[in-house]
PDB file of N, CA and C in Angstrom:
ATOM      1  N   MET A   1      15.775 -18.560  -1.456  1.00  0.00           N
ATOM      2  CA  MET A   1      15.157 -17.837  -2.546  1.00  0.00           C
ATOM      3  C   MET A   1      14.176 -16.817  -1.956  1.00  0.00           C
ATOM      4  N   VAL A   2      14.485 -15.559  -2.132  1.00  0.00           N
ATOM      5  CA  VAL A   2      13.666 -14.476  -1.613  1.00  0.00           C
ATOM      6  C   VAL A   2      12.635 -14.080  -2.679  1.00  0.00           C
ATOM      7  N   LEU A   3      11.376 -13.949  -2.275  1.00  0.00           N
ATOM      8  CA  LEU A   3      10.328 -13.582  -3.221  1.00  0.00           C
ATOM      9  C   LEU A   3       9.924 -12.117  -3.125  1.00  0.00           C
ATOM     10  N   GLU A   4      10.310 -11.458  -2.039  1.00  0.00           N
ATOM     11  CA  GLU A   4      10.025 -10.032  -1.899  1.00  0.00           C
ATOM     12  C   GLU A   4      11.105  -9.388  -1.043  1.00  0.00           C
ATOM     13  N   LYS A   5      11.320  -8.079  -1.268  1.00  0.00           N
ATOM     14  CA  LYS A   5      12.258  -7.322  -0.450  1.00  0.00           C
ATOM     15  C   LYS A   5      11.873  -5.860  -0.466  1.00  0.00           C
ATOM     16  N   ASP A   6      12.207  -5.169   0.609  1.00  0.00           N
ATOM     17  CA  ASP A   6      11.895  -3.746   0.731  1.00  0.00           C
ATOM     18  C   ASP A   6      12.944  -2.922  -0.002  1.00  0.00           C
ATOM     19  N   VAL A   7      12.461  -2.050  -0.895  1.00  0.00           N
ATOM     20  CA  VAL A   7      13.343  -1.221  -1.725  1.00  0.00           C
ATOM     21  C   VAL A   7      12.754   0.183  -1.776  1.00  0.00           C
ATOM     22  N   ASP A   8      13.612   1.204  -1.808  1.00  0.00           N
ATOM     23  CA  ASP A   8      13.160   2.577  -2.000  1.00  0.00           C
ATOM     24  C   ASP A   8      12.788   2.754  -3.468  1.00  0.00           C
ATOM     25  N   CYS A   9      11.503   2.869  -3.754  1.00  0.00           N
ATOM     26  CA  CYS A   9      11.013   2.987  -5.127  1.00  0.00           C
ATOM     27  C   CYS A   9      11.195   4.423  -5.620  1.00  0.00           C
ATOM     28  N   PRO A  10      11.951   4.627  -6.705  1.00  0.00           N
ATOM     29  CA  PRO A  10      12.145   5.988  -7.211  1.00  0.00           C
ATOM     30  C   PRO A  10      10.878   6.583  -7.823  1.00  0.00           C
ATOM     31  N   ALA A  11       9.964   5.757  -8.294  1.00  0.00           N
ATOM     32  CA  ALA A  11       8.727   6.263  -8.900  1.00  0.00           C
ATOM     33  C   ALA A  11       7.708   6.674  -7.832  1.00  0.00           C
ATOM     34  N   CYS A  12       7.578   5.865  -6.776  1.00  0.00           N
ATOM     35  CA  CYS A  12       6.617   6.162  -5.700  1.00  0.00           C
ATOM     36  C   CYS A  12       7.183   7.164  -4.695  1.00  0.00           C
ATOM     37  N   GLY A  13       8.503   7.146  -4.525  1.00  0.00           N
ATOM     38  CA  GLY A  13       9.130   8.021  -3.543  1.00  0.00           C
ATOM     39  C   GLY A  13       9.071   7.503  -2.128  1.00  0.00           C
ATOM     40  N   GLU A  14       8.776   6.220  -1.946  1.00  0.00           N
ATOM     41  CA  GLU A  14       8.728   5.635  -0.609  1.00  0.00           C
ATOM     42  C   GLU A  14       9.212   4.187  -0.678  1.00  0.00           C
ATOM     43  N   THR A  15       9.412   3.566   0.466  1.00  0.00           N
ATOM     44  CA  THR A  15       9.867   2.183   0.523  1.00  0.00           C
ATOM     45  C   THR A  15       8.681   1.251   0.359  1.00  0.00           C
ATOM     46  N   ASN A  16       8.788   0.342  -0.598  1.00  0.00           N
ATOM     47  CA  ASN A  16       7.730  -0.640  -0.858  1.00  0.00           C
ATOM     48  C   ASN A  16       8.337  -2.033  -0.908  1.00  0.00           C
ATOM     49  N   ALA A  17       7.488  -3.037  -0.741  1.00  0.00           N
ATOM     50  CA  ALA A  17       7.922  -4.426  -0.871  1.00  0.00           C
ATOM     51  C   ALA A  17       7.876  -4.784  -2.355  1.00  0.00           C
ATOM     52  N   PHE A  18       9.047  -4.889  -2.987  1.00  0.00           N
ATOM     53  CA  PHE A  18       9.130  -5.293  -4.388  1.00  0.00           C
ATOM     54  C   PHE A  18       9.013  -6.808  -4.460  1.00  0.00           C
ATOM     55  N   TYR A  19       8.331  -7.302  -5.496  1.00  0.00           N
ATOM     56  CA  TYR A  19       8.148  -8.729  -5.674  1.00  0.00           C
ATOM     57  C   TYR A  19       8.983  -9.237  -6.836  1.00  0.00           C
ATOM     58  N   ARG A  20       9.568 -10.419  -6.666  1.00  0.00           N
ATOM     59  CA  ARG A  20      10.364 -11.023  -7.724  1.00  0.00           C
ATOM     60  C   ARG A  20       9.430 -11.551  -8.802  1.00  0.00           C
ATOM     61  N   THR A  21       9.623 -11.098 -10.031  1.00  0.00           N
ATOM     62  CA  THR A  21       8.754 -11.509 -11.126  1.00  0.00           C
ATOM     63  C   THR A  21       9.396 -12.555 -12.026  1.00  0.00           C
ATOM     64  N   ALA A  22      10.732 -12.644 -12.036  1.00  0.00           N
ATOM     65  CA  ALA A  22      11.420 -13.624 -12.873  1.00  0.00           C
ATOM     66  C   ALA A  22      12.850 -13.793 -12.384  1.00  0.00           C
ATOM     67  N   ALA A  23      13.421 -14.954 -12.690  1.00  0.00           N
ATOM     68  CA  ALA A  23      14.826 -15.211 -12.385  1.00  0.00           C
ATOM     69  C   ALA A  23      15.346 -16.248 -13.369  1.00  0.00           C
ATOM     70  N   THR A  24      16.578 -16.054 -13.802  1.00  0.00           N
ATOM     71  CA  THR A  24      17.223 -16.999 -14.707  1.00  0.00           C
ATOM     72  C   THR A  24      18.724 -16.947 -14.485  1.00  0.00           C
ATOM     73  N   THR A  25      19.411 -17.978 -14.913  1.00  0.00           N
ATOM     74  CA  THR A  25      20.860 -18.019 -14.776  1.00  0.00           C
ATOM     75  C   THR A  25      21.501 -17.725 -16.122  1.00  0.00           C
ATOM     76  N   LEU A  26      22.402 -16.761 -16.137  1.00  0.00           N
ATOM     77  CA  LEU A  26      23.141 -16.368 -17.331  1.00  0.00           C
ATOM     78  C   LEU A  26      24.612 -16.685 -17.132  1.00  0.00           C
ATOM     79  N   HIS A  27      25.412 -16.448 -18.149  1.00  0.00           N
ATOM     80  CA  HIS A  27      26.849 -16.644 -18.011  1.00  0.00           C
ATOM     81  C   HIS A  27      27.460 -15.641 -17.031  1.00  0.00           C
ATOM     82  N   LEU A  28      26.765 -14.523 -16.787  1.00  0.00           N
ATOM     83  CA  LEU A  28      27.222 -13.516 -15.829  1.00  0.00           C
ATOM     84  C   LEU A  28      26.814 -13.841 -14.397  1.00  0.00           C
ATOM     85  N   GLY A  29      25.862 -14.732 -14.229  1.00  0.00           N
ATOM     86  CA  GLY A  29      25.333 -15.077 -12.912  1.00  0.00           C
ATOM     87  C   GLY A  29      23.822 -15.090 -12.944  1.00  0.00           C
ATOM     88  N   GLU A  30      23.193 -14.980 -11.784  1.00  0.00           N
ATOM     89  CA  GLU A  30      21.734 -15.004 -11.718  1.00  0.00           C
ATOM     90  C   GLU A  30      21.143 -13.630 -12.027  1.00  0.00           C
ATOM     91  N   LYS A  31      20.205 -13.586 -12.948  1.00  0.00           N
ATOM     92  CA  LYS A  31      19.483 -12.362 -13.313  1.00  0.00           C
ATOM     93  C   LYS A  31      18.100 -12.442 -12.679  1.00  0.00           C
ATOM     94  N   THR A  32      17.749 -11.413 -11.902  1.00  0.00           N
ATOM     95  CA  THR A  32      16.464 -11.376 -11.201  1.00  0.00           C
ATOM     96  C   THR A  32      15.742 -10.079 -11.523  1.00  0.00           C
ATOM     97  N   LYS A  33      14.456 -10.175 -11.847  1.00  0.00           N
ATOM     98  CA  LYS A  33      13.632  -8.995 -12.113  1.00  0.00           C
ATOM     99  C   LYS A  33      12.731  -8.737 -10.912  1.00  0.00           C
ATOM    100  N   TRP A  34      12.649  -7.461 -10.506  1.00  0.00           N
ATOM    101  CA  TRP A  34      11.845  -7.040  -9.362  1.00  0.00           C
ATOM    102  C   TRP A  34      10.853  -5.979  -9.810  1.00  0.00           C
ATOM    103  N   ARG A  35       9.642  -5.972  -9.237  1.00  0.00           N
ATOM    104  CA  ARG A  35       8.610  -5.024  -9.622  1.00  0.00           C
ATOM    105  C   ARG A  35       7.871  -4.512  -8.396  1.00  0.00           C
ATOM    106  N   CYS A  36       7.578  -3.191  -8.409  1.00  0.00           N
ATOM    107  CA  CYS A  36       6.801  -2.543  -7.351  1.00  0.00           C
ATOM    108  C   CYS A  36       5.312  -2.784  -7.617  1.00  0.00           C
ATOM    109  N   PRO A  37       4.573  -3.338  -6.658  1.00  0.00           N
ATOM    110  CA  PRO A  37       3.153  -3.593  -6.875  1.00  0.00           C
ATOM    111  C   PRO A  37       2.304  -2.313  -6.888  1.00  0.00           C
ATOM    112  N   GLU A  38       2.811  -1.234  -6.310  1.00  0.00           N
ATOM    113  CA  GLU A  38       2.045   0.015  -6.236  1.00  0.00           C
ATOM    114  C   GLU A  38       2.005   0.751  -7.571  1.00  0.00           C
ATOM    115  N   CYS A  39       3.167   0.869  -8.231  1.00  0.00           N
ATOM    116  CA  CYS A  39       3.230   1.681  -9.452  1.00  0.00           C
ATOM    117  C   CYS A  39       3.670   0.901 -10.685  1.00  0.00           C
ATOM    118  N   GLY A  40       4.179  -0.318 -10.498  1.00  0.00           N
ATOM    119  CA  GLY A  40       4.622  -1.121 -11.625  1.00  0.00           C
ATOM    120  C   GLY A  40       6.062  -0.887 -12.037  1.00  0.00           C
ATOM    121  N   PHE A  41       6.793  -0.020 -11.316  1.00  0.00           N
ATOM    122  CA  PHE A  41       8.201   0.223 -11.622  1.00  0.00           C
ATOM    123  C   PHE A  41       8.984  -1.066 -11.428  1.00  0.00           C
ATOM    124  N   GLY A  42       9.887  -1.357 -12.347  1.00  0.00           N
ATOM    125  CA  GLY A  42      10.679  -2.567 -12.247  1.00  0.00           C
ATOM    126  C   GLY A  42      12.154  -2.307 -12.471  1.00  0.00           C
ATOM    127  N   TYR A  43      12.980  -3.207 -11.958  1.00  0.00           N
ATOM    128  CA  TYR A  43      14.414  -3.134 -12.184  1.00  0.00           C
ATOM    129  C   TYR A  43      14.985  -4.545 -12.199  1.00  0.00           C
ATOM    130  N   VAL A  44      16.243  -4.656 -12.613  1.00  0.00           N
ATOM    131  CA  VAL A  44      16.915  -5.946 -12.763  1.00  0.00           C
ATOM    132  C   VAL A  44      18.159  -5.973 -11.882  1.00  0.00           C
ATOM    133  N   GLU A  45      18.442  -7.139 -11.324  1.00  0.00           N
ATOM    134  CA  GLU A  45      19.693  -7.380 -10.607  1.00  0.00           C
ATOM    135  C   GLU A  45      20.410  -8.547 -11.274  1.00  0.00           C
ATOM    136  N   ILE A  46      21.721  -8.414 -11.440  1.00  0.00           N
ATOM    137  CA  ILE A  46      22.538  -9.527 -11.913  1.00  0.00           C
ATOM    138  C   ILE A  46      23.620  -9.746 -10.870  1.00  0.00           C
ATOM    139  N   ASN A  47      23.596 -10.943 -10.266  1.00  0.00           N
ATOM    140  CA  ASN A  47      24.510 -11.286  -9.172  1.00  0.00           C
ATOM    141  C   ASN A  47      24.461 -10.252  -8.054  1.00  0.00           C
ATOM    142  N   GLY A  48      23.285  -9.722  -7.742  1.00  0.00           N
ATOM    143  CA  GLY A  48      23.124  -8.769  -6.661  1.00  0.00           C
ATOM    144  C   GLY A  48      23.453  -7.338  -7.021  1.00  0.00           C
ATOM    145  N   ILE A  49      23.909  -7.082  -8.257  1.00  0.00           N
ATOM    146  CA  ILE A  49      24.200  -5.723  -8.705  1.00  0.00           C
ATOM    147  C   ILE A  49      22.938  -5.180  -9.372  1.00  0.00           C
ATOM    148  N   SER A  50      22.440  -4.092  -8.855  1.00  0.00           N
ATOM    149  CA  SER A  50      21.155  -3.528  -9.256  1.00  0.00           C
ATOM    150  C   SER A  50      21.273  -2.521 -10.376  1.00  0.00           C
ATOM    151  N   THR A  51      20.211  -2.387 -11.180  1.00  0.00           N
ATOM    152  CA  THR A  51      20.143  -1.359 -12.215  1.00  0.00           C
ATOM    153  C   THR A  51      19.502  -0.072 -11.697  1.00  0.00           C
ATOM    154  N   LEU A  52      19.120  -0.053 -10.407  1.00  0.00           N
ATOM    155  CA  LEU A  52      18.575   1.175  -9.819  1.00  0.00           C
ATOM    156  C   LEU A  52      19.639   2.245  -9.781  1.00  0.00           C
ATOM    157  N   SER A  53      19.255   3.481 -10.022  1.00  0.00           N
ATOM    158  CA  SER A  53      20.233   4.576  -9.971  1.00  0.00           C
ATOM    159  C   SER A  53      20.686   4.813  -8.532  1.00  0.00           C
ATOM    160  N   ALA A  54      21.917   5.233  -8.376  1.00  0.00           N
ATOM    161  CA  ALA A  54      22.505   5.414  -7.045  1.00  0.00           C
ATOM    162  C   ALA A  54      21.984   6.634  -6.356  1.00  0.00           C
TER     163      ALA A  54
END
């Protein structure tokens, strides 16, 4: 279980350590919410598929 990971934050424009704020299991798989501590930007992953824009 990973509690933080480095992600390129689109709001800050730099790589930050995003922190896991929530996780739950759905019929689609595990849903995990991640948040940037610098600006508060957040995104969701379901089974490792991210909602961040490509």
